[in-house]
Amino acid sequence: MSISVIRAIYAAGAIFDAAIAALMLLPNALAMVVGLAEVPSRLSERVCLAMASSLLFGWTGLLIWGLRSPVERRGVLLLTVFPVIMGLALAVLAGWSGSYISTAGAAMIWSTQSLFGLLFVWAFLWTQRAAKRREGAK
């Protein structure tokens, strides 16, 4: 495996996060893509989405930062899985169990989160081994 594959995983995560962050600023589109029972229209809902969007854009930047030195910044990969992806999965569970997020929408989100979670854990383990090899070569 090469470092370019690891960089591609970081990049894919950053692109996906940026796309979701942008959707959060467009509640009609978000409701359609995610399968929400209703479009978030109250000011309180839109403020929460805007706050979450800014954090997700920040995480996008963090993934881009990690992409520049993927082995040295491998901790970003693990933090992306625990607590970020896991916390988002629990939030989707709450939305789904309250019938706010459709089953199809929740399944799509969970499958995407699972894919990224597995990729990021795998990339973390690979970069961990790469870091140990670098240390041994010194």
N, C-alpha and C. Protein backbone atom coordinates (compact mmCIF):
# COMPACT_ATOMS: atom_id res chain seq x y z
N MET A 1 0.85 -1.17 0.00
CA MET A 1 0.00 0.00 0.00
C MET A 1 0.90 1.23 0.00
N SER A 2 0.42 2.28 -0.60
CA SER A 2 1.24 3.48 -0.68
C SER A 2 0.60 4.64 0.08
N ILE A 3 1.41 5.61 0.34
CA ILE A 3 0.95 6.81 1.04
C ILE A 3 -0.10 7.56 0.21
N SER A 4 -0.08 7.39 -1.11
CA SER A 4 -1.07 8.07 -1.94
C SER A 4 -2.48 7.54 -1.67
N VAL A 5 -2.60 6.27 -1.32
CA VAL A 5 -3.92 5.71 -0.96
C VAL A 5 -4.40 6.35 0.34
N ILE A 6 -3.50 6.51 1.30
CA ILE A 6 -3.86 7.15 2.57
C ILE A 6 -4.28 8.59 2.32
N ARG A 7 -3.54 9.28 1.49
CA ARG A 7 -3.92 10.67 1.16
C ARG A 7 -5.29 10.72 0.49
N ALA A 8 -5.57 9.74 -0.36
CA ALA A 8 -6.87 9.70 -1.03
C ALA A 8 -8.00 9.50 -0.01
N ILE A 9 -7.74 8.72 1.03
CA ILE A 9 -8.75 8.52 2.08
C ILE A 9 -9.00 9.83 2.83
N TYR A 10 -7.92 10.53 3.19
CA TYR A 10 -8.08 11.85 3.81
C TYR A 10 -8.89 12.77 2.90
N ALA A 11 -8.52 12.80 1.61
CA ALA A 11 -9.17 13.70 0.66
C ALA A 11 -10.65 13.35 0.49
N ALA A 12 -10.96 12.06 0.41
CA ALA A 12 -12.36 11.65 0.27
C ALA A 12 -13.16 12.10 1.48
N GLY A 13 -12.60 11.94 2.67
CA GLY A 13 -13.28 12.39 3.89
C GLY A 13 -13.50 13.90 3.87
N ALA A 14 -12.49 14.63 3.44
CA ALA A 14 -12.61 16.10 3.39
C ALA A 14 -13.69 16.53 2.39
N ILE A 15 -13.70 15.91 1.24
CA ILE A 15 -14.71 16.25 0.21
C ILE A 15 -16.11 15.92 0.71
N PHE A 16 -16.27 14.75 1.30
CA PHE A 16 -17.58 14.35 1.82
C PHE A 16 -18.04 15.31 2.92
N ASP A 17 -17.15 15.62 3.86
CA ASP A 17 -17.50 16.54 4.94
C ASP A 17 -17.90 17.91 4.41
N ALA A 18 -17.15 18.42 3.44
CA ALA A 18 -17.47 19.73 2.86
C ALA A 18 -18.84 19.69 2.19
N ALA A 19 -19.15 18.60 1.50
CA ALA A 19 -20.45 18.49 0.83
C ALA A 19 -21.59 18.47 1.85
N ILE A 20 -21.42 17.71 2.93
CA ILE A 20 -22.47 17.65 3.96
C ILE A 20 -22.59 19.00 4.66
N ALA A 21 -21.46 19.65 4.93
CA ALA A 21 -21.50 20.96 5.57
C ALA A 21 -22.26 21.96 4.70
N ALA A 22 -22.04 21.90 3.40
CA ALA A 22 -22.76 22.79 2.49
C ALA A 22 -24.26 22.47 2.49
N LEU A 23 -24.60 21.17 2.51
CA LEU A 23 -26.01 20.77 2.56
C LEU A 23 -26.70 21.31 3.81
N MET A 24 -25.96 21.36 4.91
CA MET A 24 -26.54 21.85 6.16
C MET A 24 -26.96 23.32 6.05
N LEU A 25 -26.34 24.03 5.13
CA LEU A 25 -26.71 25.43 4.92
C LEU A 25 -27.87 25.58 3.93
N LEU A 26 -28.29 24.46 3.36
CA LEU A 26 -29.41 24.43 2.42
C LEU A 26 -30.43 23.42 2.93
N PRO A 27 -31.24 23.80 3.92
CA PRO A 27 -32.13 22.83 4.58
C PRO A 27 -33.05 22.06 3.65
N ASN A 28 -33.55 22.68 2.59
CA ASN A 28 -34.43 21.95 1.65
C ASN A 28 -33.68 20.79 1.01
N ALA A 29 -32.46 21.05 0.57
CA ALA A 29 -31.64 20.01 -0.05
C ALA A 29 -31.25 18.95 0.98
N LEU A 30 -30.91 19.38 2.19
CA LEU A 30 -30.56 18.44 3.24
C LEU A 30 -31.72 17.49 3.52
N ALA A 31 -32.92 18.04 3.64
CA ALA A 31 -34.10 17.22 3.93
C ALA A 31 -34.32 16.19 2.82
N MET A 32 -34.11 16.60 1.57
CA MET A 32 -34.32 15.69 0.45
C MET A 32 -33.25 14.59 0.43
N VAL A 33 -31.99 14.95 0.60
CA VAL A 33 -30.89 13.98 0.52
C VAL A 33 -30.91 13.01 1.69
N VAL A 34 -31.16 13.52 2.89
CA VAL A 34 -31.07 12.70 4.09
C VAL A 34 -32.40 12.00 4.41
N GLY A 35 -33.47 12.47 3.84
CA GLY A 35 -34.76 11.85 4.12
C GLY A 35 -35.38 12.31 5.42
N LEU A 36 -35.34 13.62 5.65
CA LEU A 36 -35.94 14.17 6.87
C LEU A 36 -37.45 14.23 6.73
N ALA A 37 -38.15 14.05 7.85
CA ALA A 37 -39.61 14.08 7.85
C ALA A 37 -40.14 15.46 7.49
N GLU A 38 -39.38 16.49 7.83
CA GLU A 38 -39.76 17.86 7.49
C GLU A 38 -38.51 18.70 7.30
N VAL A 39 -38.66 19.76 6.54
CA VAL A 39 -37.53 20.65 6.30
C VAL A 39 -37.29 21.49 7.55
N PRO A 40 -36.05 21.53 8.03
CA PRO A 40 -35.76 22.38 9.19
C PRO A 40 -36.03 23.84 8.82
N SER A 41 -37.03 24.43 9.45
CA SER A 41 -37.41 25.78 9.05
C SER A 41 -37.41 26.78 10.20
N ARG A 42 -37.50 26.30 11.42
CA ARG A 42 -37.49 27.23 12.55
C ARG A 42 -36.09 27.83 12.70
N LEU A 43 -36.06 29.03 13.23
CA LEU A 43 -34.79 29.71 13.42
C LEU A 43 -33.85 28.87 14.28
N SER A 44 -34.37 28.26 15.34
CA SER A 44 -33.51 27.46 16.22
C SER A 44 -32.88 26.29 15.46
N GLU A 45 -33.63 25.66 14.57
CA GLU A 45 -33.11 24.55 13.78
C GLU A 45 -32.03 25.02 12.81
N ARG A 46 -32.29 26.15 12.18
CA ARG A 46 -31.33 26.68 11.21
C ARG A 46 -30.05 27.16 11.89
N VAL A 47 -30.19 27.72 13.09
CA VAL A 47 -29.00 28.14 13.84
C VAL A 47 -28.17 26.91 14.21
N CYS A 48 -28.83 25.86 14.69
CA CYS A 48 -28.11 24.62 15.03
C CYS A 48 -27.42 24.03 13.80
N LEU A 49 -28.10 24.03 12.66
CA LEU A 49 -27.48 23.53 11.43
C LEU A 49 -26.29 24.38 11.03
N ALA A 50 -26.40 25.70 11.16
CA ALA A 50 -25.29 26.58 10.81
C ALA A 50 -24.10 26.35 11.74
N MET A 51 -24.37 26.15 13.01
CA MET A 51 -23.29 25.87 13.96
C MET A 51 -22.62 24.54 13.62
N ALA A 52 -23.43 23.52 13.36
CA ALA A 52 -22.88 22.21 13.01
C ALA A 52 -22.10 22.28 11.70
N SER A 53 -22.61 23.05 10.76
CA SER A 53 -21.94 23.22 9.47
C SER A 53 -20.57 23.85 9.65
N SER A 54 -20.47 24.86 10.50
CA SER A 54 -19.17 25.50 10.71
C SER A 54 -18.17 24.52 11.32
N LEU A 55 -18.65 23.68 12.24
CA LEU A 55 -17.76 22.66 12.82
C LEU A 55 -17.34 21.64 11.76
N LEU A 56 -18.26 21.26 10.90
CA LEU A 56 -17.93 20.29 9.86
C LEU A 56 -16.96 20.88 8.84
N PHE A 57 -17.12 22.16 8.51
CA PHE A 57 -16.15 22.81 7.63
C PHE A 57 -14.78 22.85 8.31
N GLY A 58 -14.78 23.07 9.63
CA GLY A 58 -13.53 23.03 10.38
C GLY A 58 -12.89 21.65 10.32
N TRP A 59 -13.71 20.61 10.45
CA TRP A 59 -13.18 19.25 10.37
C TRP A 59 -12.64 18.96 8.98
N THR A 60 -13.29 19.53 7.96
CA THR A 60 -12.79 19.41 6.59
C THR A 60 -11.37 19.95 6.52
N GLY A 61 -11.17 21.11 7.13
CA GLY A 61 -9.82 21.70 7.16
C GLY A 61 -8.83 20.82 7.90
N LEU A 62 -9.28 20.21 8.97
CA LEU A 62 -8.41 19.33 9.74
C LEU A 62 -7.99 18.11 8.91
N LEU A 63 -8.91 17.57 8.15
CA LEU A 63 -8.57 16.44 7.27
C LEU A 63 -7.60 16.87 6.18
N ILE A 64 -7.78 18.06 5.64
CA ILE A 64 -6.84 18.57 4.63
C ILE A 64 -5.46 18.77 5.27
N TRP A 65 -5.43 19.27 6.50
CA TRP A 65 -4.17 19.43 7.22
C TRP A 65 -3.51 18.07 7.41
N GLY A 66 -4.29 17.05 7.79
CA GLY A 66 -3.76 15.70 7.96
C GLY A 66 -3.24 15.12 6.66
N LEU A 67 -3.91 15.43 5.58
CA LEU A 67 -3.52 14.93 4.26
C LEU A 67 -2.10 15.36 3.91
N ARG A 68 -1.68 16.52 4.38
CA ARG A 68 -0.35 17.05 4.04
C ARG A 68 0.79 16.26 4.69
N SER A 69 0.53 15.68 5.84
CA SER A 69 1.52 14.83 6.53
C SER A 69 0.78 13.65 7.16
N PRO A 70 0.31 12.73 6.33
CA PRO A 70 -0.61 11.70 6.81
C PRO A 70 -0.08 10.78 7.90
N VAL A 71 1.19 10.48 7.87
CA VAL A 71 1.73 9.58 8.90
C VAL A 71 1.90 10.34 10.21
N GLU A 72 2.47 11.51 10.13
CA GLU A 72 2.71 12.31 11.33
C GLU A 72 1.42 12.76 11.99
N ARG A 73 0.39 12.98 11.21
CA ARG A 73 -0.89 13.48 11.73
C ARG A 73 -1.97 12.40 11.74
N ARG A 74 -1.55 11.17 11.88
CA ARG A 74 -2.48 10.04 11.82
C ARG A 74 -3.52 10.06 12.93
N GLY A 75 -3.26 10.76 14.00
CA GLY A 75 -4.24 10.87 15.08
C GLY A 75 -5.56 11.47 14.61
N VAL A 76 -5.49 12.31 13.57
CA VAL A 76 -6.71 12.90 13.01
C VAL A 76 -7.65 11.80 12.51
N LEU A 77 -7.08 10.74 11.97
CA LEU A 77 -7.90 9.64 11.47
C LEU A 77 -8.70 8.99 12.58
N LEU A 78 -8.03 8.72 13.68
CA LEU A 78 -8.71 8.07 14.80
C LEU A 78 -9.74 9.00 15.44
N LEU A 79 -9.40 10.28 15.57
CA LEU A 79 -10.36 11.24 16.12
C LEU A 79 -11.58 11.40 15.22
N THR A 80 -11.38 11.19 13.93
CA THR A 80 -12.51 11.29 13.01
C THR A 80 -13.51 10.16 13.27
N VAL A 81 -12.99 9.00 13.65
CA VAL A 81 -13.87 7.86 13.93
C VAL A 81 -14.46 7.96 15.34
N PHE A 82 -13.58 8.22 16.32
CA PHE A 82 -13.99 8.30 17.72
C PHE A 82 -13.58 9.66 18.26
N PRO A 83 -14.38 10.60 18.46
CA PRO A 83 -15.81 10.55 18.69
C PRO A 83 -16.68 11.05 17.54
N VAL A 84 -16.09 11.58 16.46
CA VAL A 84 -16.90 12.29 15.45
C VAL A 84 -17.90 11.37 14.76
N ILE A 85 -17.43 10.37 14.03
CA ILE A 85 -18.37 9.50 13.30
C ILE A 85 -19.30 8.77 14.26
N MET A 86 -18.76 8.28 15.36
CA MET A 86 -19.60 7.58 16.33
C MET A 86 -20.67 8.50 16.92
N GLY A 87 -20.30 9.73 17.23
CA GLY A 87 -21.28 10.68 17.76
C GLY A 87 -22.35 11.02 16.75
N LEU A 88 -21.94 11.18 15.50
CA LEU A 88 -22.92 11.46 14.45
C LEU A 88 -23.85 10.27 14.24
N ALA A 89 -23.31 9.06 14.33
CA ALA A 89 -24.14 7.86 14.19
C ALA A 89 -25.19 7.79 15.30
N LEU A 90 -24.82 8.17 16.50
CA LEU A 90 -25.79 8.20 17.60
C LEU A 90 -26.85 9.28 17.39
N ALA A 91 -26.45 10.41 16.83
CA ALA A 91 -27.41 11.47 16.53
C ALA A 91 -28.41 11.00 15.47
N VAL A 92 -27.93 10.28 14.47
CA VAL A 92 -28.82 9.73 13.44
C VAL A 92 -29.76 8.70 14.07
N LEU A 93 -29.24 7.91 14.98
CA LEU A 93 -30.08 6.93 15.68
C LEU A 93 -31.22 7.64 16.42
N ALA A 94 -30.90 8.73 17.09
CA ALA A 94 -31.94 9.48 17.79
C ALA A 94 -32.97 10.04 16.80
N GLY A 95 -32.49 10.57 15.67
CA GLY A 95 -33.41 11.10 14.65
C GLY A 95 -34.26 10.02 14.03
N TRP A 96 -33.66 8.87 13.79
CA TRP A 96 -34.41 7.76 13.20
C TRP A 96 -35.42 7.19 14.19
N SER A 97 -35.01 6.99 15.44
CA SER A 97 -35.93 6.40 16.42
C SER A 97 -37.09 7.35 16.73
N GLY A 98 -36.89 8.64 16.51
CA GLY A 98 -37.97 9.60 16.69
C GLY A 98 -38.74 9.88 15.41
N SER A 99 -38.50 9.08 14.38
CA SER A 99 -39.18 9.19 13.07
C SER A 99 -38.91 10.52 12.38
N TYR A 100 -37.82 11.16 12.70
CA TYR A 100 -37.45 12.41 12.02
C TYR A 100 -36.63 12.12 10.78
N ILE A 101 -35.79 11.07 10.85
CA ILE A 101 -34.99 10.65 9.71
C ILE A 101 -35.57 9.33 9.22
N SER A 102 -35.81 9.26 7.91
CA SER A 102 -36.39 8.04 7.35
C SER A 102 -35.44 6.86 7.50
N THR A 103 -36.00 5.67 7.41
CA THR A 103 -35.17 4.46 7.48
C THR A 103 -34.17 4.44 6.33
N ALA A 104 -34.62 4.80 5.14
CA ALA A 104 -33.72 4.84 3.98
C ALA A 104 -32.62 5.87 4.19
N GLY A 105 -32.98 7.03 4.71
CA GLY A 105 -31.98 8.06 4.97
C GLY A 105 -30.98 7.63 6.02
N ALA A 106 -31.48 7.04 7.10
CA ALA A 106 -30.58 6.56 8.17
C ALA A 106 -29.67 5.47 7.64
N ALA A 107 -30.21 4.56 6.85
CA ALA A 107 -29.39 3.48 6.30
C ALA A 107 -28.29 4.03 5.39
N MET A 108 -28.62 5.03 4.59
CA MET A 108 -27.62 5.64 3.72
C MET A 108 -26.53 6.31 4.55
N ILE A 109 -26.94 7.04 5.57
CA ILE A 109 -25.96 7.73 6.42
C ILE A 109 -25.09 6.71 7.14
N TRP A 110 -25.71 5.71 7.75
CA TRP A 110 -24.93 4.72 8.50
C TRP A 110 -23.99 3.94 7.60
N SER A 111 -24.42 3.61 6.39
CA SER A 111 -23.53 2.86 5.50
C SER A 111 -22.34 3.73 5.08
N THR A 112 -22.59 5.01 4.83
CA THR A 112 -21.50 5.91 4.49
C THR A 112 -20.56 6.09 5.68
N GLN A 113 -21.13 6.27 6.88
CA GLN A 113 -20.31 6.41 8.08
C GLN A 113 -19.50 5.13 8.33
N SER A 114 -20.10 3.99 8.11
CA SER A 114 -19.39 2.72 8.31
C SER A 114 -18.23 2.60 7.35
N LEU A 115 -18.47 2.94 6.09
CA LEU A 115 -17.41 2.88 5.09
C LEU A 115 -16.25 3.79 5.48
N PHE A 116 -16.57 5.05 5.80
CA PHE A 116 -15.51 5.98 6.19
C PHE A 116 -14.84 5.54 7.49
N GLY A 117 -15.62 5.05 8.43
CA GLY A 117 -15.05 4.58 9.69
C GLY A 117 -14.05 3.47 9.46
N LEU A 118 -14.42 2.49 8.65
CA LEU A 118 -13.51 1.38 8.36
C LEU A 118 -12.27 1.86 7.61
N LEU A 119 -12.47 2.72 6.63
CA LEU A 119 -11.32 3.26 5.88
C LEU A 119 -10.38 4.02 6.79
N PHE A 120 -10.93 4.85 7.67
CA PHE A 120 -10.09 5.66 8.54
C PHE A 120 -9.37 4.81 9.58
N VAL A 121 -10.02 3.80 10.13
CA VAL A 121 -9.34 2.91 11.07
C VAL A 121 -8.23 2.15 10.35
N TRP A 122 -8.52 1.63 9.16
CA TRP A 122 -7.51 0.93 8.39
C TRP A 122 -6.34 1.86 8.07
N ALA A 123 -6.63 3.10 7.65
CA ALA A 123 -5.56 4.06 7.33
C ALA A 123 -4.75 4.40 8.58
N PHE A 124 -5.41 4.51 9.72
CA PHE A 124 -4.69 4.77 10.96
C PHE A 124 -3.73 3.64 11.27
N LEU A 125 -4.21 2.41 11.18
CA LEU A 125 -3.35 1.25 11.46
C LEU A 125 -2.17 1.19 10.50
N TRP A 126 -2.43 1.48 9.22
CA TRP A 126 -1.37 1.47 8.22
C TRP A 126 -0.34 2.55 8.53
N THR A 127 -0.80 3.75 8.86
CA THR A 127 0.14 4.84 9.16
C THR A 127 0.88 4.58 10.48
N GLN A 128 0.23 3.90 11.40
CA GLN A 128 0.89 3.53 12.66
C GLN A 128 2.08 2.61 12.36
N ARG A 129 1.86 1.61 11.51
CA ARG A 129 2.95 0.71 11.12
C ARG A 129 4.03 1.47 10.35
N ALA A 130 3.62 2.37 9.48
CA ALA A 130 4.59 3.17 8.70
C ALA A 130 5.46 4.02 9.64
N ALA A 131 4.85 4.58 10.66
CA ALA A 131 5.60 5.39 11.61
C ALA A 131 6.63 4.53 12.37
N LYS A 132 6.23 3.31 12.74
CA LYS A 132 7.17 2.41 13.43
C LYS A 132 8.31 2.00 12.52
N ARG A 133 8.01 1.78 11.24
CA ARG A 133 9.06 1.45 10.29
C ARG A 133 10.03 2.61 10.14
N ARG A 134 9.51 3.83 10.11
CA ARG A 134 10.38 5.02 10.00
C ARG A 134 11.27 5.16 11.22
N GLU A 135 10.70 4.89 12.39
CA GLU A 135 11.50 4.97 13.62
C GLU A 135 12.60 3.92 13.62
N GLY A 136 12.28 2.73 13.17
CA GLY A 136 13.26 1.66 13.12
C GLY A 136 14.37 1.91 12.11
N ALA A 137 14.07 2.69 11.09
CA ALA A 137 15.06 2.98 10.05
C ALA A 137 16.05 4.06 10.49
N LYS A 138 15.74 4.75 11.58
CA LYS A 138 16.62 5.85 12.03
C LYS A 138 17.82 5.35 12.75
